[in-house]
Amino acid sequence: MRLEKIIARGRIVDLRSLDLEGALQELLGACVEKFPDLKPDALLRGLLARESTMTTYLGFGVALPHVRVKMSRRYILAIGRSRVGIRHDGALADERVHLIVMLIAGENARDYLQVLASIARQVKDKDLVDNLVNAPDLDALYDRLVGGFGGLRAVEAQQNRVNRLMFREAERVAHGAGCSAIVVFGDTFIGGLQPGVLRSKLKTILVTRTALEIGDGGDTRFNETIQVRSFSNQRLAQLRSAMLVALTRGVVTFTDRICCVGGITGSNQFDTLVVVDIEREFQTLLTGSTADLLPPDVKPEVLERVIAVATELAVEGREGRPVGCLFVVGDNTRVGSLSKPLVLNPFFGYKEEDRNILNPFMDETVKEFSSIDGAFIIRGDGVVESAGSLIQAMDTTHDLPSGLGTRHAAAAAISVAANCISIVVSSSTGQVTLFRRGVMLPLTEKRR
């Protein structure tokens, strides 16, 4: 589903309340007008209970309160704007909430966390938030919401002679080399790449740091969109991580060959064309099938999210300092028997939904606890079981390159002893490395 499909003009309001509870009551009132079977008092209690457990404040003056209830509909979205600002316990002392995006989800909505994460990504764009808050009226606010959530804000690729030539030649090379797809690196263009600008009869895959939509449906003109954050502004810096995600999703296969076209991030100019053999790129990691890459209990979206969080830590660090950390994903029973806590488990006692890595409100929590020595133990469905765990596994069959420390050794060892994947962020170089069956695969280059 596309996000703009759950936006309704009748559930967009200018808020009069100055506190969160009053604002939620206003938004629930707008929902009950359309869906009288809803129980606003119960919904309000659920929203406030979640708020007391974990703040829904995202920053930039935006809050995303949410709750799951029994109802026949999958989602109800209500949006409130406050020009004056609303007090919110999760905000800093001098901050006020100016935009409240309230999501009510049915208990049977299986993509609930993905929808929540997608909304969170959209409203973390400060330019979009400022554009919404400053809309002259609610009709303009609705139009801007639909445009922002629907991806209409992405600029079109500059159709100059070189760009047209590069994409045309990419098609010729792809046909001549027997490629199964063309991969377009959309971050080459400032603001992203508008779907439909570059069209091909071959399968086209868009790689970008900001996904414009989620799920299925819609006229995207791209067969697939892969969201991978770039580690640097170098050409095709997202290539290896993007291909790993494509493999785990089944978008490409082990035997495929692909043609990639891109350029320097933000340059608005294609200048690089590369043909990649998947088998050659990942031959040390795979034993003949993509199914062997991903442990059987690990969902592809969980691996994607862990890679994204690890890359963000590598890029941003914490409080201006590099942070090294280790994530172990999958085969939770075996991993649990080969690890022990170094500190009291900060995730103990919380609901599984609240400590799932797919939950967007987990991002800052995981980043904060990344400074604790030890590993994050994550189930294949995304639930974070513990942080600060000591890995007690040995690997005598694989030699690591010189310069790698105990964190990398532990990652390699646990990936041999258990049917899991481990991902390491190096505190010294910022490099993100994946381990599978003791074999290492650098996903990003070292920071200079």
Protein backbone atom coordinates (compact mmCIF):
# COMPACT_ATOMS: atom_id res chain seq x y z
CA MET A 1 0.00 0.00 0.00
CA ARG A 2 1.07 3.59 -0.58
CA LEU A 3 1.05 5.98 2.34
CA GLU A 4 -0.98 8.67 0.64
CA LYS A 5 -3.86 6.20 0.25
CA ILE A 6 -4.61 6.32 3.99
CA ILE A 7 -4.67 10.13 4.16
CA ALA A 8 -8.18 11.62 4.23
CA ARG A 9 -8.97 15.35 4.08
CA GLY A 10 -11.62 14.97 6.79
CA ARG A 11 -9.04 13.71 9.30
CA ILE A 12 -6.67 16.67 8.96
CA VAL A 13 -7.35 19.32 11.59
CA ASP A 14 -5.91 22.49 13.08
CA LEU A 15 -5.46 21.75 16.78
CA ARG A 16 -6.66 24.09 19.51
CA SER A 17 -5.30 22.15 22.50
CA LEU A 18 -1.99 23.00 24.10
CA ASP A 19 -1.33 19.55 25.61
CA LEU A 20 -0.97 16.09 24.07
CA GLU A 21 -4.05 14.53 25.66
CA GLY A 22 -6.32 17.29 24.40
CA ALA A 23 -4.81 17.08 20.92
CA LEU A 24 -5.39 13.31 20.81
CA GLN A 25 -9.01 13.84 21.83
CA GLU A 26 -9.45 16.25 18.91
CA LEU A 27 -7.94 13.79 16.45
CA LEU A 28 -10.03 10.91 17.78
CA GLY A 29 -13.12 13.09 17.42
CA ALA A 30 -12.31 13.55 13.73
CA CYS A 31 -11.97 9.76 13.36
CA VAL A 32 -15.27 8.97 15.13
CA GLU A 33 -17.16 11.28 12.75
CA LYS A 34 -16.32 8.87 9.92
CA PHE A 35 -16.13 5.63 11.92
CA PRO A 36 -18.74 5.83 14.73
CA ASP A 37 -18.00 2.25 15.87
CA LEU A 38 -14.65 3.37 17.27
CA LYS A 39 -14.39 3.77 21.04
CA PRO A 40 -12.50 7.03 21.60
CA ASP A 41 -12.09 6.62 25.37
CA ALA A 42 -10.43 3.21 25.00
CA LEU A 43 -8.28 4.47 22.13
CA LEU A 44 -7.16 7.47 24.18
CA ARG A 45 -6.17 5.22 27.09
CA GLY A 46 -4.19 2.99 24.72
CA LEU A 47 -2.41 5.94 23.12
CA LEU A 48 -1.47 7.49 26.46
CA ALA A 49 -0.37 4.11 27.87
CA ARG A 50 2.03 3.65 24.97
CA GLU A 51 3.27 7.22 25.46
CA SER A 52 4.09 6.43 29.09
CA THR A 53 6.09 3.35 28.01
CA MET A 54 8.03 4.89 25.13
CA THR A 55 7.89 8.42 23.79
CA THR A 56 6.52 8.88 20.28
CA TYR A 57 8.29 12.20 19.73
CA LEU A 58 10.46 12.02 16.59
CA GLY A 59 12.10 15.44 16.60
CA PHE A 60 11.62 18.44 14.30
CA GLY A 61 8.36 19.17 16.17
CA VAL A 62 6.68 15.90 15.10
CA ALA A 63 5.03 13.21 17.24
CA LEU A 64 3.74 9.87 15.96
CA PRO A 65 1.32 8.41 18.55
CA HIS A 66 0.04 4.97 17.56
CA VAL A 67 -2.02 2.09 18.88
CA ARG A 68 -3.31 -1.31 17.70
CA VAL A 69 -6.94 -2.27 18.29
CA LYS A 70 -9.50 -4.79 17.12
CA MET A 71 -11.21 -3.33 14.05
CA SER A 72 -12.06 -4.41 10.53
CA ARG A 73 -10.01 -1.66 8.87
CA ARG A 74 -6.27 -1.98 8.49
CA TYR A 75 -5.34 1.64 9.22
CA ILE A 76 -6.83 4.99 10.18
CA LEU A 77 -4.55 8.01 9.96
CA ALA A 78 -5.37 11.40 11.50
CA ILE A 79 -3.09 14.43 11.35
CA GLY A 80 -3.20 17.55 13.48
CA ARG A 81 -1.28 20.78 13.10
CA SER A 82 -0.58 23.33 15.81
CA ARG A 83 1.01 26.63 14.88
CA VAL A 84 1.40 27.60 18.55
CA GLY A 85 2.89 24.26 19.59
CA ILE A 86 1.89 21.50 22.01
CA ARG A 87 3.69 20.41 25.15
CA HIS A 88 5.16 16.92 24.91
CA ASP A 89 7.10 15.11 27.63
CA GLY A 90 9.42 13.51 25.08
CA ALA A 91 10.58 16.83 23.63
CA LEU A 92 13.35 19.01 24.97
CA ALA A 93 12.39 21.81 27.36
CA ASP A 94 12.26 24.51 24.68
CA GLU A 95 10.65 22.37 21.96
CA ARG A 96 6.99 22.20 21.04
CA VAL A 97 5.15 19.71 18.85
CA HIS A 98 3.65 21.32 15.76
CA LEU A 99 2.58 18.20 13.86
CA ILE A 100 0.87 15.11 15.32
CA VAL A 101 0.48 12.09 13.04
CA MET A 102 -1.80 9.59 14.80
CA LEU A 103 -1.95 6.03 13.46
CA ILE A 104 -4.61 3.52 14.52
CA ALA A 105 -3.92 0.03 13.21
CA GLY A 106 -6.03 -3.10 13.20
CA GLU A 107 -4.62 -6.12 14.99
CA ASN A 108 -4.58 -8.06 11.70
CA ALA A 109 -2.44 -5.48 9.87
CA ARG A 110 0.67 -7.59 9.36
CA ASP A 111 2.80 -4.79 7.88
CA TYR A 112 2.10 -2.48 10.84
CA LEU A 113 5.73 -1.90 11.83
CA GLN A 114 6.77 -1.31 8.23
CA VAL A 115 4.01 1.29 7.78
CA LEU A 116 4.98 2.95 11.06
CA ALA A 117 8.63 3.03 10.01
CA SER A 118 7.79 4.47 6.61
CA ILE A 119 5.74 7.30 8.13
CA ALA A 120 8.57 8.01 10.57
CA ARG A 121 11.10 8.24 7.74
CA GLN A 122 8.93 10.71 5.85
CA VAL A 123 8.35 13.09 8.75
CA LYS A 124 12.03 13.10 9.71
CA ASP A 125 12.55 15.30 6.65
CA LYS A 126 12.76 18.81 8.15
CA ASP A 127 11.97 20.52 4.84
CA LEU A 128 8.78 18.49 4.46
CA VAL A 129 7.72 19.19 8.06
CA ASP A 130 8.31 22.94 7.69
CA ASN A 131 6.35 22.86 4.44
CA LEU A 132 3.41 21.16 6.18
CA VAL A 133 3.37 23.36 9.28
CA ASN A 134 3.50 26.53 7.19
CA ALA A 135 0.73 25.51 4.78
CA PRO A 136 -1.72 28.45 4.45
CA ASP A 137 -4.82 26.30 5.06
CA LEU A 138 -5.91 22.70 5.58
CA ASP A 139 -6.57 22.12 1.89
CA ALA A 140 -3.00 23.12 1.09
CA LEU A 141 -1.79 20.97 3.99
CA TYR A 142 -3.65 17.98 2.56
CA ASP A 143 -2.16 18.54 -0.91
CA ARG A 144 1.34 18.80 0.55
CA LEU A 145 0.85 15.64 2.63
CA VAL A 146 -0.29 13.65 -0.38
CA GLY A 147 2.60 15.03 -2.40
CA GLY A 148 5.18 14.38 0.31
CA PHE A 149 3.97 10.89 1.23
CA GLY A 150 3.39 9.98 -2.39
CA GLY A 151 6.89 10.88 -3.49
CA LEU A 152 5.90 13.88 -5.62
CA ARG A 153 8.56 16.01 -3.99
CA ALA A 154 11.35 14.11 -5.66
CA VAL A 155 12.79 16.14 -8.50
CA GLU A 156 13.06 14.80 -12.00
CA ALA A 157 16.45 13.81 -13.34
CA GLN A 158 17.91 16.63 -15.39
CA GLN A 159 17.33 15.44 -18.90
CA ASN A 160 20.52 16.82 -20.38
CA ARG A 161 22.32 15.22 -23.28
CA VAL A 162 24.87 13.35 -21.16
CA ASN A 163 22.27 11.80 -18.85
CA ARG A 164 20.14 10.65 -21.75
CA LEU A 165 23.20 9.23 -23.46
CA MET A 166 24.40 7.43 -20.34
CA PHE A 167 21.08 5.73 -19.69
CA ARG A 168 20.68 4.81 -23.37
CA GLU A 169 24.15 3.28 -23.37
CA ALA A 170 23.37 1.46 -20.11
CA GLU A 171 20.48 -0.24 -21.92
CA ARG A 172 22.76 -1.18 -24.84
CA VAL A 173 25.44 -2.57 -22.52
CA ALA A 174 22.84 -4.45 -20.47
CA HIS A 175 21.42 -6.12 -23.58
CA GLY A 176 24.88 -6.88 -24.98
CA ALA A 177 26.24 -8.28 -21.71
CA GLY A 178 23.16 -10.38 -20.98
CA CYS A 179 22.20 -8.41 -17.87
CA SER A 180 18.92 -9.20 -16.15
CA ALA A 181 18.35 -5.69 -14.79
CA ILE A 182 19.49 -2.08 -14.78
CA VAL A 183 20.24 -0.57 -11.36
CA VAL A 184 19.84 3.22 -11.12
CA PHE A 185 21.47 5.06 -8.21
CA GLY A 186 18.90 7.76 -7.52
CA ASP A 187 20.95 9.73 -5.00
CA THR A 188 22.99 11.00 -7.92
CA PHE A 189 20.22 13.60 -8.24
CA ILE A 190 19.48 16.23 -5.60
CA GLY A 191 16.13 15.43 -3.98
CA GLY A 192 16.03 11.94 -5.43
CA LEU A 193 14.83 10.51 -8.71
CA GLN A 194 11.22 10.73 -9.80
CA PRO A 195 9.79 7.34 -10.87
CA GLY A 196 8.97 7.27 -14.56
CA VAL A 197 11.74 9.63 -15.69
CA LEU A 198 14.01 6.81 -16.88
CA ARG A 199 12.15 4.02 -18.61
CA SER A 200 13.44 0.76 -19.95
CA LYS A 201 12.06 -2.51 -21.25
CA LEU A 202 14.47 -4.27 -18.90
CA LYS A 203 13.75 -4.67 -15.21
CA THR A 204 14.84 -1.49 -13.43
CA ILE A 205 15.87 -1.25 -9.76
CA LEU A 206 16.10 2.09 -7.97
CA VAL A 207 18.69 2.34 -5.18
CA THR A 208 18.20 5.35 -2.92
CA ARG A 209 18.72 6.47 0.65
CA THR A 210 15.09 7.63 0.85
CA ALA A 211 12.37 5.22 -0.29
CA LEU A 212 9.45 7.10 -1.79
CA GLU A 213 6.82 4.49 -1.03
CA ILE A 214 6.26 1.12 0.62
CA GLY A 215 4.52 -2.09 -0.27
CA ASP A 216 2.79 -2.86 -3.51
CA GLY A 217 0.60 -1.00 -5.90
CA GLY A 218 0.98 2.29 -7.71
CA ASP A 219 2.58 3.25 -11.01
CA THR A 220 6.20 3.45 -9.94
CA ARG A 221 7.80 2.49 -13.29
CA PHE A 222 10.62 0.95 -11.24
CA ASN A 223 10.21 -2.76 -10.68
CA GLU A 224 11.89 -2.54 -7.27
CA THR A 225 13.07 0.16 -4.88
CA ILE A 226 15.89 -0.65 -2.45
CA GLN A 227 16.54 1.77 0.39
CA VAL A 228 20.20 1.80 1.42
CA ARG A 229 21.97 4.68 3.11
CA SER A 230 25.16 5.80 1.42
CA PHE A 231 28.28 5.67 3.57
CA SER A 232 30.05 8.32 1.50
CA ASN A 233 29.57 10.56 -1.53
CA GLN A 234 31.66 8.25 -3.71
CA ARG A 235 30.20 6.77 -6.88
CA LEU A 236 28.08 3.64 -6.31
CA ALA A 237 28.94 3.58 -2.59
CA GLN A 238 25.68 1.74 -1.93
CA LEU A 239 26.35 -1.02 -4.44
CA ARG A 240 27.38 -3.95 -2.23
CA SER A 241 24.75 -3.34 0.47
CA ALA A 242 22.06 -2.86 -2.19
CA MET A 243 22.96 -6.11 -3.94
CA LEU A 244 22.95 -7.97 -0.63
CA VAL A 245 19.43 -6.67 0.07
CA ALA A 246 18.34 -7.56 -3.47
CA LEU A 247 19.66 -11.11 -3.00
CA THR A 248 17.85 -11.66 0.28
CA ARG A 249 14.60 -10.31 -1.19
CA GLY A 250 14.91 -12.50 -4.28
CA VAL A 251 15.02 -9.47 -6.59
CA VAL A 252 18.21 -10.85 -8.17
CA THR A 253 19.70 -14.32 -8.08
CA PHE A 254 23.17 -15.70 -7.50
CA THR A 255 23.76 -16.21 -11.24
CA ASP A 256 22.49 -12.80 -12.42
CA ARG A 257 24.51 -10.08 -14.08
CA ILE A 258 23.37 -6.46 -13.64
CA CYS A 259 24.21 -3.11 -15.20
CA CYS A 260 24.55 -0.15 -12.81
CA VAL A 261 24.41 3.53 -13.73
CA GLY A 262 25.11 6.36 -11.32
CA GLY A 263 27.33 9.28 -10.42
CA ILE A 264 28.63 11.35 -7.52
CA THR A 265 25.90 11.91 -4.93
CA GLY A 266 24.06 15.18 -5.56
CA SER A 267 25.91 15.91 -8.81
CA ASN A 268 22.80 15.59 -11.04
CA GLN A 269 25.03 13.85 -13.55
CA PHE A 270 25.40 10.20 -14.54
CA ASP A 271 29.09 9.52 -15.10
CA THR A 272 29.63 5.85 -14.20
CA LEU A 273 28.46 2.61 -15.78
CA VAL A 274 29.42 -0.72 -14.21
CA VAL A 275 28.53 -4.34 -15.01
CA VAL A 276 28.44 -6.57 -11.92
CA ASP A 277 28.40 -10.37 -11.80
CA ILE A 278 26.59 -11.30 -8.58
CA GLU A 279 28.38 -14.65 -8.34
CA ARG A 280 31.81 -13.04 -8.60
CA GLU A 281 30.92 -10.27 -6.12
CA PHE A 282 29.64 -12.66 -3.46
CA GLN A 283 31.45 -15.90 -4.32
CA THR A 284 33.25 -16.12 -0.97
CA LEU A 285 30.01 -15.72 0.95
CA LEU A 286 27.59 -17.95 -0.94
CA THR A 287 27.74 -21.69 -1.54
CA GLY A 288 25.45 -21.77 -4.53
CA SER A 289 22.08 -20.30 -3.61
CA THR A 290 20.65 -17.12 -2.15
CA ALA A 291 18.76 -19.25 0.37
CA ASP A 292 22.12 -20.13 1.89
CA LEU A 293 22.91 -16.46 2.49
CA LEU A 294 19.94 -15.76 4.73
CA PRO A 295 19.39 -18.01 7.77
CA PRO A 296 15.98 -19.73 7.55
CA ASP A 297 14.48 -17.88 10.52
CA VAL A 298 15.65 -14.38 9.51
CA LYS A 299 13.23 -12.14 7.63
CA PRO A 300 14.80 -10.09 4.80
CA GLU A 301 13.35 -6.84 6.17
CA VAL A 302 15.01 -7.50 9.55
CA LEU A 303 18.44 -7.89 7.96
CA GLU A 304 17.81 -4.72 5.94
CA ARG A 305 16.92 -2.78 9.07
CA VAL A 306 19.96 -4.01 11.02
CA ILE A 307 22.24 -3.03 8.13
CA ALA A 308 20.56 0.40 8.04
CA VAL A 309 21.04 0.99 11.79
CA ALA A 310 24.66 -0.24 11.63
CA THR A 311 25.38 2.08 8.70
CA GLU A 312 23.79 5.04 10.49
CA LEU A 313 26.01 4.35 13.52
CA ALA A 314 29.04 4.17 11.25
CA VAL A 315 28.16 7.47 9.59
CA GLU A 316 26.95 9.44 12.61
CA GLY A 317 28.57 7.79 15.63
CA ARG A 318 27.22 8.98 18.97
CA GLU A 319 27.79 12.49 20.25
CA GLY A 320 30.45 13.05 17.61
CA ARG A 321 32.49 9.96 18.48
CA PRO A 322 32.87 6.70 16.52
CA VAL A 323 31.01 3.78 18.08
CA GLY A 324 31.84 0.12 17.58
CA CYS A 325 29.11 -2.47 18.05
CA LEU A 326 28.04 -5.99 17.12
CA PHE A 327 24.64 -7.31 16.03
CA VAL A 328 23.87 -11.06 15.95
CA VAL A 329 20.72 -11.94 14.02
CA GLY A 330 18.96 -15.32 13.92
CA ASP A 331 19.19 -18.81 15.50
CA ASN A 332 18.28 -17.30 18.84
CA THR A 333 18.31 -20.58 20.84
CA ARG A 334 21.83 -21.54 19.75
CA VAL A 335 23.16 -17.99 20.08
CA GLY A 336 21.65 -17.73 23.56
CA SER A 337 23.52 -20.84 24.66
CA LEU A 338 26.80 -19.31 23.44
CA SER A 339 26.41 -15.92 25.09
CA LYS A 340 25.97 -14.44 28.55
CA PRO A 341 25.01 -10.98 29.83
CA LEU A 342 27.70 -8.49 30.76
CA VAL A 343 25.13 -6.04 32.18
CA LEU A 344 21.47 -6.15 33.19
CA ASN A 345 19.44 -6.63 30.02
CA PRO A 346 17.88 -3.21 29.16
CA PHE A 347 15.24 -4.85 26.93
CA PHE A 348 13.92 -7.28 29.53
CA GLY A 349 10.21 -6.98 30.33
CA TYR A 350 9.13 -4.90 27.33
CA LYS A 351 6.51 -6.06 24.83
CA GLU A 352 7.97 -7.75 21.77
CA GLU A 353 6.38 -5.16 19.48
CA ASP A 354 8.03 -2.33 21.40
CA ARG A 355 11.51 -3.90 21.19
CA ASN A 356 11.34 -5.00 17.56
CA ILE A 357 14.13 -3.56 15.39
CA LEU A 358 11.49 -2.79 12.73
CA ASN A 359 9.80 -0.36 15.12
CA PRO A 360 11.08 3.13 14.18
CA PHE A 361 11.10 4.21 17.83
CA MET A 362 13.76 1.58 18.50
CA ASP A 363 16.38 3.41 16.41
CA GLU A 364 17.52 5.84 19.09
CA THR A 365 17.26 3.19 21.80
CA VAL A 366 19.57 0.83 19.93
CA LYS A 367 21.99 3.65 19.16
CA GLU A 368 22.10 4.71 22.81
CA PHE A 369 22.82 1.16 24.01
CA SER A 370 25.45 0.67 21.28
CA SER A 371 28.01 2.23 23.62
CA ILE A 372 27.64 -0.75 26.00
CA ASP A 373 30.33 -3.41 25.57
CA GLY A 374 28.93 -6.61 24.13
CA ALA A 375 26.52 -7.65 21.38
CA PHE A 376 22.88 -7.07 20.50
CA ILE A 377 21.11 -10.44 20.22
CA ILE A 378 18.24 -10.16 17.73
CA ARG A 379 15.70 -12.82 16.76
CA GLY A 380 15.03 -13.51 13.12
CA ASP A 381 11.67 -11.73 13.34
CA GLY A 382 13.36 -8.56 14.60
CA VAL A 383 12.75 -8.76 18.35
CA VAL A 384 15.79 -7.55 20.29
CA GLU A 385 16.41 -10.08 23.04
CA SER A 386 19.34 -8.41 24.77
CA ALA A 387 22.16 -5.87 24.61
CA GLY A 388 25.57 -6.03 26.25
CA SER A 389 25.97 -9.80 25.71
CA LEU A 390 29.33 -11.55 25.76
CA ILE A 391 29.79 -13.97 22.86
CA GLN A 392 31.42 -17.24 23.94
CA ALA A 393 32.19 -19.03 20.69
CA MET A 394 35.42 -20.06 19.00
CA ASP A 395 36.44 -20.27 15.35
CA THR A 396 39.78 -21.87 14.52
CA THR A 397 39.16 -22.36 10.80
CA HIS A 398 39.03 -18.76 9.53
CA ASP A 399 41.86 -16.24 9.66
CA LEU A 400 40.87 -12.61 9.93
CA PRO A 401 42.90 -9.82 8.30
CA SER A 402 45.37 -8.10 10.59
CA GLY A 403 44.10 -5.08 12.43
CA LEU A 404 40.72 -6.55 13.35
CA GLY A 405 40.00 -6.93 17.05
CA THR A 406 37.96 -9.06 19.42
CA ARG A 407 34.60 -7.72 18.20
CA HIS A 408 35.28 -9.00 14.68
CA ALA A 409 36.63 -12.29 16.04
CA ALA A 410 33.47 -12.79 18.09
CA ALA A 411 31.30 -11.97 15.05
CA ALA A 412 33.14 -14.51 12.91
CA ALA A 413 33.03 -17.19 15.59
CA ILE A 414 29.31 -16.93 16.38
CA SER A 415 28.47 -16.99 12.66
CA VAL A 416 30.23 -20.39 12.48
CA ALA A 417 28.87 -21.84 15.71
CA ALA A 418 25.24 -20.81 14.99
CA ASN A 419 23.12 -20.46 11.86
CA CYS A 420 23.07 -16.69 12.11
CA ILE A 421 24.41 -13.49 10.56
CA SER A 422 26.56 -11.04 12.48
CA ILE A 423 27.22 -7.42 11.56
CA VAL A 424 30.05 -5.35 13.03
CA VAL A 425 30.66 -1.61 13.09
CA SER A 426 34.35 -0.86 13.60
CA SER A 427 35.08 1.83 16.18
CA SER A 428 38.42 2.71 14.55
CA THR A 429 37.56 2.78 10.85
CA GLY A 430 33.76 3.05 10.78
CA GLN A 431 33.63 0.11 8.37
CA VAL A 432 30.50 -2.07 8.43
CA THR A 433 31.23 -5.77 7.94
CA LEU A 434 28.90 -8.76 7.65
CA PHE A 435 29.90 -12.29 8.71
CA ARG A 436 28.22 -15.50 7.52
CA ARG A 437 29.69 -18.91 8.37
CA GLY A 438 32.94 -17.20 9.38
CA VAL A 439 33.38 -15.45 6.02
CA MET A 440 33.56 -11.65 6.14
CA LEU A 441 31.97 -9.30 3.64
CA PRO A 442 32.72 -5.56 3.99
CA LEU A 443 29.55 -3.62 3.22
CA THR A 444 31.17 -0.18 3.34
CA GLU A 445 34.67 1.14 2.78
CA LYS A 446 36.85 2.35 5.60
CA ARG A 447 36.48 5.98 6.57
CA ARG A 448 39.50 8.05 5.73
